[in-house]
Amino acid sequence: MEKHYRRCSKSLIEREIDDECVIVDTLSGNVHQFNAAAACIWRNLEDDMDILSLAGVLHKNFRVDMDAAIADAETCVKQLCDLGLIEVC
């Protein structure tokens, strides 16, 4: 069964600037800036999503081939998990 991911229920402040996104973690004081692809993934993590679904969003929005979209989604999700911004649900 494919893992699903969602945003952590931390105190996060989010601001969108053009296609990018800035997240402030009010608990740690860390600031994270996401490029357009990471911001796209972040926006779609409002709902529980798996890697293939996230890759499909990247494939559709950025017109990259599906293999590249899967690799990008996996990398981004791992980084977001490592930062404690998302979790497996």
PDB file of N, CA and C in Angstrom:
ATOM      1  N   MET A   1       0.845  -1.187   0.000  1.00  0.00           N
ATOM      2  CA  MET A   1       0.000   0.000   0.000  1.00  0.00           C
ATOM      3  C   MET A   1       0.888   1.247   0.000  1.00  0.00           C
ATOM      4  N   GLU A   2       0.570   2.171  -0.830  1.00  0.00           N
ATOM      5  CA  GLU A   2       1.331   3.416  -0.977  1.00  0.00           C
ATOM      6  C   GLU A   2       1.138   4.311   0.244  1.00  0.00           C
ATOM      7  N   LYS A   3       2.246   4.897   0.728  1.00  0.00           N
ATOM      8  CA  LYS A   3       2.152   5.830   1.848  1.00  0.00           C
ATOM      9  C   LYS A   3       1.462   7.111   1.413  1.00  0.00           C
ATOM     10  N   HIS A   4       0.681   7.660   2.303  1.00  0.00           N
ATOM     11  CA  HIS A   4       0.042   8.957   2.089  1.00  0.00           C
ATOM     12  C   HIS A   4       0.665   9.958   3.046  1.00  0.00           C
ATOM     13  N   TYR A   5       0.731  11.197   2.603  1.00  0.00           N
ATOM     14  CA  TYR A   5       1.369  12.254   3.383  1.00  0.00           C
ATOM     15  C   TYR A   5       0.393  13.404   3.588  1.00  0.00           C
ATOM     16  N   ARG A   6       0.610  14.132   4.675  1.00  0.00           N
ATOM     17  CA  ARG A   6      -0.199  15.315   4.960  1.00  0.00           C
ATOM     18  C   ARG A   6       0.664  16.309   5.730  1.00  0.00           C
ATOM     19  N   ARG A   7       0.197  17.534   5.751  1.00  0.00           N
ATOM     20  CA  ARG A   7       0.892  18.559   6.516  1.00  0.00           C
ATOM     21  C   ARG A   7       0.802  18.228   8.002  1.00  0.00           C
ATOM     22  N   CYS A   8       1.855  18.546   8.733  1.00  0.00           N
ATOM     23  CA  CYS A   8       1.824  18.396  10.191  1.00  0.00           C
ATOM     24  C   CYS A   8       0.923  19.477  10.761  1.00  0.00           C
ATOM     25  N   SER A   9       0.397  19.205  11.914  1.00  0.00           N
ATOM     26  CA  SER A   9      -0.520  20.173  12.522  1.00  0.00           C
ATOM     27  C   SER A   9       0.242  21.139  13.433  1.00  0.00           C
ATOM     28  N   LYS A  10       1.357  21.633  12.938  1.00  0.00           N
ATOM     29  CA  LYS A  10       2.142  22.621  13.674  1.00  0.00           C
ATOM     30  C   LYS A  10       1.555  24.003  13.451  1.00  0.00           C
ATOM     31  N   SER A  11       2.102  24.937  14.172  1.00  0.00           N
ATOM     32  CA  SER A  11       1.724  26.340  13.966  1.00  0.00           C
ATOM     33  C   SER A  11       2.581  26.897  12.836  1.00  0.00           C
ATOM     34  N   LEU A  12       2.039  26.868  11.639  1.00  0.00           N
ATOM     35  CA  LEU A  12       2.760  27.345  10.468  1.00  0.00           C
ATOM     36  C   LEU A  12       2.046  28.551   9.889  1.00  0.00           C
ATOM     37  N   ILE A  13       2.832  29.525   9.489  1.00  0.00           N
ATOM     38  CA  ILE A  13       2.301  30.684   8.782  1.00  0.00           C
ATOM     39  C   ILE A  13       2.776  30.561   7.342  1.00  0.00           C
ATOM     40  N   GLU A  14       1.860  30.710   6.419  1.00  0.00           N
ATOM     41  CA  GLU A  14       2.153  30.492   5.002  1.00  0.00           C
ATOM     42  C   GLU A  14       1.822  31.745   4.207  1.00  0.00           C
ATOM     43  N   ARG A  15       2.721  32.115   3.317  1.00  0.00           N
ATOM     44  CA  ARG A  15       2.489  33.236   2.408  1.00  0.00           C
ATOM     45  C   ARG A  15       2.910  32.817   1.000  1.00  0.00           C
ATOM     46  N   GLU A  16       2.057  33.114   0.043  1.00  0.00           N
ATOM     47  CA  GLU A  16       2.392  32.832  -1.353  1.00  0.00           C
ATOM     48  C   GLU A  16       2.887  34.104  -2.011  1.00  0.00           C
ATOM     49  N   ILE A  17       3.973  33.977  -2.743  1.00  0.00           N
ATOM     50  CA  ILE A  17       4.557  35.088  -3.490  1.00  0.00           C
ATOM     51  C   ILE A  17       4.768  34.580  -4.905  1.00  0.00           C
ATOM     52  N   ASP A  18       3.962  35.096  -5.823  1.00  0.00           N
ATOM     53  CA  ASP A  18       3.947  34.589  -7.195  1.00  0.00           C
ATOM     54  C   ASP A  18       3.675  33.092  -7.141  1.00  0.00           C
ATOM     55  N   ASP A  19       4.537  32.269  -7.753  1.00  0.00           N
ATOM     56  CA  ASP A  19       4.342  30.823  -7.743  1.00  0.00           C
ATOM     57  C   ASP A  19       5.042  30.154  -6.572  1.00  0.00           C
ATOM     58  N   GLU A  20       5.763  30.926  -5.785  1.00  0.00           N
ATOM     59  CA  GLU A  20       6.530  30.370  -4.685  1.00  0.00           C
ATOM     60  C   GLU A  20       5.772  30.511  -3.368  1.00  0.00           C
ATOM     61  N   CYS A  21       6.334  29.910  -2.329  1.00  0.00           N
ATOM     62  CA  CYS A  21       5.665  29.896  -1.036  1.00  0.00           C
ATOM     63  C   CYS A  21       6.715  30.040   0.058  1.00  0.00           C
ATOM     64  N   VAL A  22       6.387  30.807   1.085  1.00  0.00           N
ATOM     65  CA  VAL A  22       7.241  30.947   2.259  1.00  0.00           C
ATOM     66  C   VAL A  22       6.460  30.438   3.462  1.00  0.00           C
ATOM     67  N   ILE A  23       7.097  29.557   4.227  1.00  0.00           N
ATOM     68  CA  ILE A  23       6.486  28.967   5.410  1.00  0.00           C
ATOM     69  C   ILE A  23       7.319  29.374   6.618  1.00  0.00           C
ATOM     70  N   VAL A  24       6.657  29.874   7.652  1.00  0.00           N
ATOM     71  CA  VAL A  24       7.320  30.182   8.915  1.00  0.00           C
ATOM     72  C   VAL A  24       6.788  29.204   9.949  1.00  0.00           C
ATOM     73  N   ASP A  25       7.690  28.454  10.541  1.00  0.00           N
ATOM     74  CA  ASP A  25       7.348  27.528  11.610  1.00  0.00           C
ATOM     75  C   ASP A  25       7.458  28.313  12.910  1.00  0.00           C
ATOM     76  N   THR A  26       6.328  28.675  13.492  1.00  0.00           N
ATOM     77  CA  THR A  26       6.337  29.537  14.673  1.00  0.00           C
ATOM     78  C   THR A  26       6.855  28.813  15.923  1.00  0.00           C
ATOM     79  N   LEU A  27       6.891  27.488  15.896  1.00  0.00           N
ATOM     80  CA  LEU A  27       7.428  26.751  17.044  1.00  0.00           C
ATOM     81  C   LEU A  27       8.953  26.759  17.048  1.00  0.00           C
ATOM     82  N   SER A  28       9.554  26.586  15.877  1.00  0.00           N
ATOM     83  CA  SER A  28      11.019  26.529  15.798  1.00  0.00           C
ATOM     84  C   SER A  28      11.641  27.855  15.380  1.00  0.00           C
ATOM     85  N   GLY A  29      10.838  28.723  14.743  1.00  0.00           N
ATOM     86  CA  GLY A  29      11.369  29.972  14.218  1.00  0.00           C
ATOM     87  C   GLY A  29      12.005  29.821  12.849  1.00  0.00           C
ATOM     88  N   ASN A  30      11.976  28.618  12.295  1.00  0.00           N
ATOM     89  CA  ASN A  30      12.563  28.374  10.973  1.00  0.00           C
ATOM     90  C   ASN A  30      11.684  28.944   9.870  1.00  0.00           C
ATOM     91  N   VAL A  31      12.340  29.443   8.834  1.00  0.00           N
ATOM     92  CA  VAL A  31      11.657  29.962   7.652  1.00  0.00           C
ATOM     93  C   VAL A  31      12.065  29.098   6.467  1.00  0.00           C
ATOM     94  N   HIS A  32      11.073  28.678   5.681  1.00  0.00           N
ATOM     95  CA  HIS A  32      11.318  27.815   4.529  1.00  0.00           C
ATOM     96  C   HIS A  32      10.755  28.491   3.288  1.00  0.00           C
ATOM     97  N   GLN A  33      11.553  28.548   2.237  1.00  0.00           N
ATOM     98  CA  GLN A  33      11.093  29.109   0.968  1.00  0.00           C
ATOM     99  C   GLN A  33      11.032  27.988  -0.058  1.00  0.00           C
ATOM    100  N   PHE A  34       9.864  27.822  -0.666  1.00  0.00           N
ATOM    101  CA  PHE A  34       9.646  26.759  -1.647  1.00  0.00           C
ATOM    102  C   PHE A  34       9.613  27.346  -3.046  1.00  0.00           C
ATOM    103  N   ASN A  35      10.288  26.683  -3.979  1.00  0.00           N
ATOM    104  CA  ASN A  35      10.171  27.085  -5.375  1.00  0.00           C
ATOM    105  C   ASN A  35       8.788  26.681  -5.890  1.00  0.00           C
ATOM    106  N   ALA A  36       8.524  26.942  -7.145  1.00  0.00           N
ATOM    107  CA  ALA A  36       7.187  26.706  -7.699  1.00  0.00           C
ATOM    108  C   ALA A  36       6.759  25.240  -7.591  1.00  0.00           C
ATOM    109  N   ALA A  37       7.668  24.314  -7.867  1.00  0.00           N
ATOM    110  CA  ALA A  37       7.312  22.887  -7.810  1.00  0.00           C
ATOM    111  C   ALA A  37       7.030  22.453  -6.375  1.00  0.00           C
ATOM    112  N   ALA A  38       7.886  22.853  -5.437  1.00  0.00           N
ATOM    113  CA  ALA A  38       7.666  22.498  -4.024  1.00  0.00           C
ATOM    114  C   ALA A  38       6.397  23.159  -3.498  1.00  0.00           C
ATOM    115  N   ALA A  39       6.132  24.389  -3.916  1.00  0.00           N
ATOM    116  CA  ALA A  39       4.909  25.076  -3.502  1.00  0.00           C
ATOM    117  C   ALA A  39       3.679  24.355  -4.033  1.00  0.00           C
ATOM    118  N   CYS A  40       3.768  23.839  -5.240  1.00  0.00           N
ATOM    119  CA  CYS A  40       2.665  23.074  -5.830  1.00  0.00           C
ATOM    120  C   CYS A  40       2.399  21.815  -5.001  1.00  0.00           C
ATOM    121  N   ILE A  41       3.456  21.122  -4.627  1.00  0.00           N
ATOM    122  CA  ILE A  41       3.304  19.936  -3.784  1.00  0.00           C
ATOM    123  C   ILE A  41       2.717  20.336  -2.437  1.00  0.00           C
ATOM    124  N   TRP A  42       3.240  21.403  -1.838  1.00  0.00           N
ATOM    125  CA  TRP A  42       2.756  21.861  -0.531  1.00  0.00           C
ATOM    126  C   TRP A  42       1.258  22.153  -0.571  1.00  0.00           C
ATOM    127  N   ARG A  43       0.822  22.871  -1.592  1.00  0.00           N
ATOM    128  CA  ARG A  43      -0.604  23.209  -1.706  1.00  0.00           C
ATOM    129  C   ARG A  43      -1.459  21.950  -1.793  1.00  0.00           C
ATOM    130  N   ASN A  44      -0.970  20.936  -2.476  1.00  0.00           N
ATOM    131  CA  ASN A  44      -1.749  19.711  -2.644  1.00  0.00           C
ATOM    132  C   ASN A  44      -1.712  18.804  -1.424  1.00  0.00           C
ATOM    133  N   LEU A  45      -0.855  19.107  -0.468  1.00  0.00           N
ATOM    134  CA  LEU A  45      -0.808  18.318   0.750  1.00  0.00           C
ATOM    135  C   LEU A  45      -1.828  18.780   1.781  1.00  0.00           C
ATOM    136  N   GLU A  46      -2.727  19.674   1.388  1.00  0.00           N
ATOM    137  CA  GLU A  46      -3.850  20.012   2.264  1.00  0.00           C
ATOM    138  C   GLU A  46      -4.731  18.780   2.451  1.00  0.00           C
ATOM    139  N   ASP A  47      -4.743  17.922   1.440  1.00  0.00           N
ATOM    140  CA  ASP A  47      -5.427  16.634   1.516  1.00  0.00           C
ATOM    141  C   ASP A  47      -4.355  15.559   1.606  1.00  0.00           C
ATOM    142  N   ASP A  48      -4.700  14.395   2.144  1.00  0.00           N
ATOM    143  CA  ASP A  48      -3.756  13.283   2.173  1.00  0.00           C
ATOM    144  C   ASP A  48      -3.457  12.869   0.732  1.00  0.00           C
ATOM    145  N   MET A  49      -2.161  12.824   0.391  1.00  0.00           N
ATOM    146  CA  MET A  49      -1.764  12.495  -0.981  1.00  0.00           C
ATOM    147  C   MET A  49      -0.634  11.471  -0.957  1.00  0.00           C
ATOM    148  N   ASP A  50      -0.580  10.641  -1.994  1.00  0.00           N
ATOM    149  CA  ASP A  50       0.542   9.724  -2.144  1.00  0.00           C
ATOM    150  C   ASP A  50       1.506  10.278  -3.204  1.00  0.00           C
ATOM    151  N   ILE A  51       2.661   9.643  -3.334  1.00  0.00           N
ATOM    152  CA  ILE A  51       3.694  10.122  -4.256  1.00  0.00           C
ATOM    153  C   ILE A  51       3.182  10.162  -5.688  1.00  0.00           C
ATOM    154  N   LEU A  52       2.488   9.124  -6.121  1.00  0.00           N
ATOM    155  CA  LEU A  52       2.007   9.092  -7.515  1.00  0.00           C
ATOM    156  C   LEU A  52       1.004  10.205  -7.794  1.00  0.00           C
ATOM    157  N   SER A  53       0.148  10.506  -6.837  1.00  0.00           N
ATOM    158  CA  SER A  53      -0.804  11.606  -7.023  1.00  0.00           C
ATOM    159  C   SER A  53      -0.088  12.944  -7.093  1.00  0.00           C
ATOM    160  N   LEU A  54       0.899  13.135  -6.214  1.00  0.00           N
ATOM    161  CA  LEU A  54       1.682  14.369  -6.244  1.00  0.00           C
ATOM    162  C   LEU A  54       2.467  14.488  -7.546  1.00  0.00           C
ATOM    163  N   ALA A  55       3.026  13.375  -8.006  1.00  0.00           N
ATOM    164  CA  ALA A  55       3.751  13.372  -9.275  1.00  0.00           C
ATOM    165  C   ALA A  55       2.818  13.720 -10.431  1.00  0.00           C
ATOM    166  N   GLY A  56       1.597  13.236 -10.373  1.00  0.00           N
ATOM    167  CA  GLY A  56       0.617  13.561 -11.405  1.00  0.00           C
ATOM    168  C   GLY A  56       0.328  15.051 -11.465  1.00  0.00           C
ATOM    169  N   VAL A  57       0.283  15.694 -10.299  1.00  0.00           N
ATOM    170  CA  VAL A  57       0.072  17.142 -10.246  1.00  0.00           C
ATOM    171  C   VAL A  57       1.263  17.871 -10.884  1.00  0.00           C
ATOM    172  N   LEU A  58       2.489  17.428 -10.569  1.00  0.00           N
ATOM    173  CA  LEU A  58       3.680  18.039 -11.168  1.00  0.00           C
ATOM    174  C   LEU A  58       3.703  17.820 -12.674  1.00  0.00           C
ATOM    175  N   HIS A  59       3.370  16.603 -13.083  1.00  0.00           N
ATOM    176  CA  HIS A  59       3.337  16.263 -14.508  1.00  0.00           C
ATOM    177  C   HIS A  59       2.359  17.178 -15.258  1.00  0.00           C
ATOM    178  N   LYS A  60       1.206  17.383 -14.691  1.00  0.00           N
ATOM    179  CA  LYS A  60       0.173  18.212 -15.319  1.00  0.00           C
ATOM    180  C   LYS A  60       0.555  19.693 -15.325  1.00  0.00           C
ATOM    181  N   ASN A  61       1.036  20.199 -14.188  1.00  0.00           N
ATOM    182  CA  ASN A  61       1.291  21.627 -14.066  1.00  0.00           C
ATOM    183  C   ASN A  61       2.597  22.092 -14.688  1.00  0.00           C
ATOM    184  N   PHE A  62       3.601  21.216 -14.721  1.00  0.00           N
ATOM    185  CA  PHE A  62       4.913  21.631 -15.209  1.00  0.00           C
ATOM    186  C   PHE A  62       5.324  20.915 -16.486  1.00  0.00           C
ATOM    187  N   ARG A  63       4.453  20.054 -16.976  1.00  0.00           N
ATOM    188  CA  ARG A  63       4.666  19.342 -18.238  1.00  0.00           C
ATOM    189  C   ARG A  63       6.014  18.621 -18.303  1.00  0.00           C
ATOM    190  N   VAL A  64       6.352  17.960 -17.184  1.00  0.00           N
ATOM    191  CA  VAL A  64       7.542  17.116 -17.155  1.00  0.00           C
ATOM    192  C   VAL A  64       7.090  15.678 -17.333  1.00  0.00           C
ATOM    193  N   ASP A  65       8.016  14.821 -17.799  1.00  0.00           N
ATOM    194  CA  ASP A  65       7.607  13.425 -17.978  1.00  0.00           C
ATOM    195  C   ASP A  65       7.361  12.800 -16.600  1.00  0.00           C
ATOM    196  N   MET A  66       6.604  11.747 -16.590  1.00  0.00           N
ATOM    197  CA  MET A  66       6.135  11.170 -15.333  1.00  0.00           C
ATOM    198  C   MET A  66       7.287  10.638 -14.483  1.00  0.00           C
ATOM    199  N   ASP A  67       8.317  10.054 -15.101  1.00  0.00           N
ATOM    200  CA  ASP A  67       9.447   9.553 -14.317  1.00  0.00           C
ATOM    201  C   ASP A  67      10.141  10.687 -13.572  1.00  0.00           C
ATOM    202  N   ALA A  68      10.340  11.819 -14.238  1.00  0.00           N
ATOM    203  CA  ALA A  68      10.952  12.981 -13.585  1.00  0.00           C
ATOM    204  C   ALA A  68      10.034  13.528 -12.495  1.00  0.00           C
ATOM    205  N   ALA A  69       8.737  13.538 -12.756  1.00  0.00           N
ATOM    206  CA  ALA A  69       7.772  14.029 -11.763  1.00  0.00           C
ATOM    207  C   ALA A  69       7.778  13.154 -10.517  1.00  0.00           C
ATOM    208  N   ILE A  70       7.873  11.838 -10.691  1.00  0.00           N
ATOM    209  CA  ILE A  70       7.927  10.928  -9.547  1.00  0.00           C
ATOM    210  C   ILE A  70       9.193  11.173  -8.736  1.00  0.00           C
ATOM    211  N   ALA A  71      10.324  11.292  -9.418  1.00  0.00           N
ATOM    212  CA  ALA A  71      11.595  11.539  -8.724  1.00  0.00           C
ATOM    213  C   ALA A  71      11.547  12.860  -7.959  1.00  0.00           C
ATOM    214  N   ASP A  72      11.007  13.893  -8.590  1.00  0.00           N
ATOM    215  CA  ASP A  72      10.908  15.204  -7.933  1.00  0.00           C
ATOM    216  C   ASP A  72       9.971  15.148  -6.730  1.00  0.00           C
ATOM    217  N   ALA A  73       8.843  14.466  -6.874  1.00  0.00           N
ATOM    218  CA  ALA A  73       7.887  14.352  -5.768  1.00  0.00           C
ATOM    219  C   ALA A  73       8.510  13.590  -4.601  1.00  0.00           C
ATOM    220  N   GLU A  74       9.228  12.497  -4.900  1.00  0.00           N
ATOM    221  CA  GLU A  74       9.882  11.724  -3.841  1.00  0.00           C
ATOM    222  C   GLU A  74      10.913  12.571  -3.103  1.00  0.00           C
ATOM    223  N   THR A  75      11.728  13.313  -3.836  1.00  0.00           N
ATOM    224  CA  THR A  75      12.751  14.163  -3.231  1.00  0.00           C
ATOM    225  C   THR A  75      12.119  15.232  -2.348  1.00  0.00           C
ATOM    226  N   CYS A  76      11.105  15.894  -2.864  1.00  0.00           N
ATOM    227  CA  CYS A  76      10.446  16.965  -2.127  1.00  0.00           C
ATOM    228  C   CYS A  76       9.776  16.432  -0.871  1.00  0.00           C
ATOM    229  N   VAL A  77       9.071  15.330  -0.971  1.00  0.00           N
ATOM    230  CA  VAL A  77       8.383  14.748   0.182  1.00  0.00           C
ATOM    231  C   VAL A  77       9.392  14.338   1.251  1.00  0.00           C
ATOM    232  N   LYS A  78      10.504  13.747   0.847  1.00  0.00           N
ATOM    233  CA  LYS A  78      11.538  13.370   1.812  1.00  0.00           C
ATOM    234  C   LYS A  78      12.063  14.604   2.536  1.00  0.00           C
ATOM    235  N   GLN A  79      12.335  15.674   1.794  1.00  0.00           N
ATOM    236  CA  GLN A  79      12.849  16.894   2.404  1.00  0.00           C
ATOM    237  C   GLN A  79      11.817  17.498   3.370  1.00  0.00           C
ATOM    238  N   LEU A  80      10.558  17.521   2.968  1.00  0.00           N
ATOM    239  CA  LEU A  80       9.512  18.070   3.830  1.00  0.00           C
ATOM    240  C   LEU A  80       9.340  17.228   5.097  1.00  0.00           C
ATOM    241  N   CYS A  81       9.463  15.909   4.959  1.00  0.00           N
ATOM    242  CA  CYS A  81       9.408  15.022   6.134  1.00  0.00           C
ATOM    243  C   CYS A  81      10.601  15.289   7.054  1.00  0.00           C
ATOM    244  N   ASP A  82      11.791  15.391   6.463  1.00  0.00           N
ATOM    245  CA  ASP A  82      13.000  15.644   7.255  1.00  0.00           C
ATOM    246  C   ASP A  82      12.908  16.966   8.013  1.00  0.00           C
ATOM    247  N   LEU A  83      12.229  17.956   7.434  1.00  0.00           N
ATOM    248  CA  LEU A  83      12.052  19.253   8.089  1.00  0.00           C
ATOM    249  C   LEU A  83      10.935  19.235   9.134  1.00  0.00           C
ATOM    250  N   GLY A  84      10.177  18.145   9.163  1.00  0.00           N
ATOM    251  CA  GLY A  84       9.079  18.038  10.122  1.00  0.00           C
ATOM    252  C   GLY A  84       7.836  18.802   9.705  1.00  0.00           C
ATOM    253  N   LEU A  85       7.735  19.145   8.421  1.00  0.00           N
ATOM    254  CA  LEU A  85       6.582  19.905   7.943  1.00  0.00           C
ATOM    255  C   LEU A  85       5.430  19.016   7.492  1.00  0.00           C
ATOM    256  N   ILE A  86       5.750  17.781   7.090  1.00  0.00           N
ATOM    257  CA  ILE A  86       4.712  16.822   6.710  1.00  0.00           C
ATOM    258  C   ILE A  86       4.983  15.509   7.409  1.00  0.00           C
ATOM    259  N   GLU A  87       3.965  14.654   7.404  1.00  0.00           N
ATOM    260  CA  GLU A  87       4.080  13.359   8.063  1.00  0.00           C
ATOM    261  C   GLU A  87       3.321  12.309   7.268  1.00  0.00           C
ATOM    262  N   VAL A  88       3.680  11.051   7.531  1.00  0.00           N
ATOM    263  CA  VAL A  88       2.946   9.930   6.943  1.00  0.00           C
ATOM    264  C   VAL A  88       1.656   9.783   7.723  1.00  0.00           C
ATOM    265  N   CYS A  89       0.553   9.589   6.996  1.00  0.00           N
ATOM    266  CA  CYS A  89      -0.726   9.412   7.686  1.00  0.00           C
ATOM    267  C   CYS A  89      -1.270   8.024   7.458  1.00  0.00           C
TER     268      CYS A  89
END
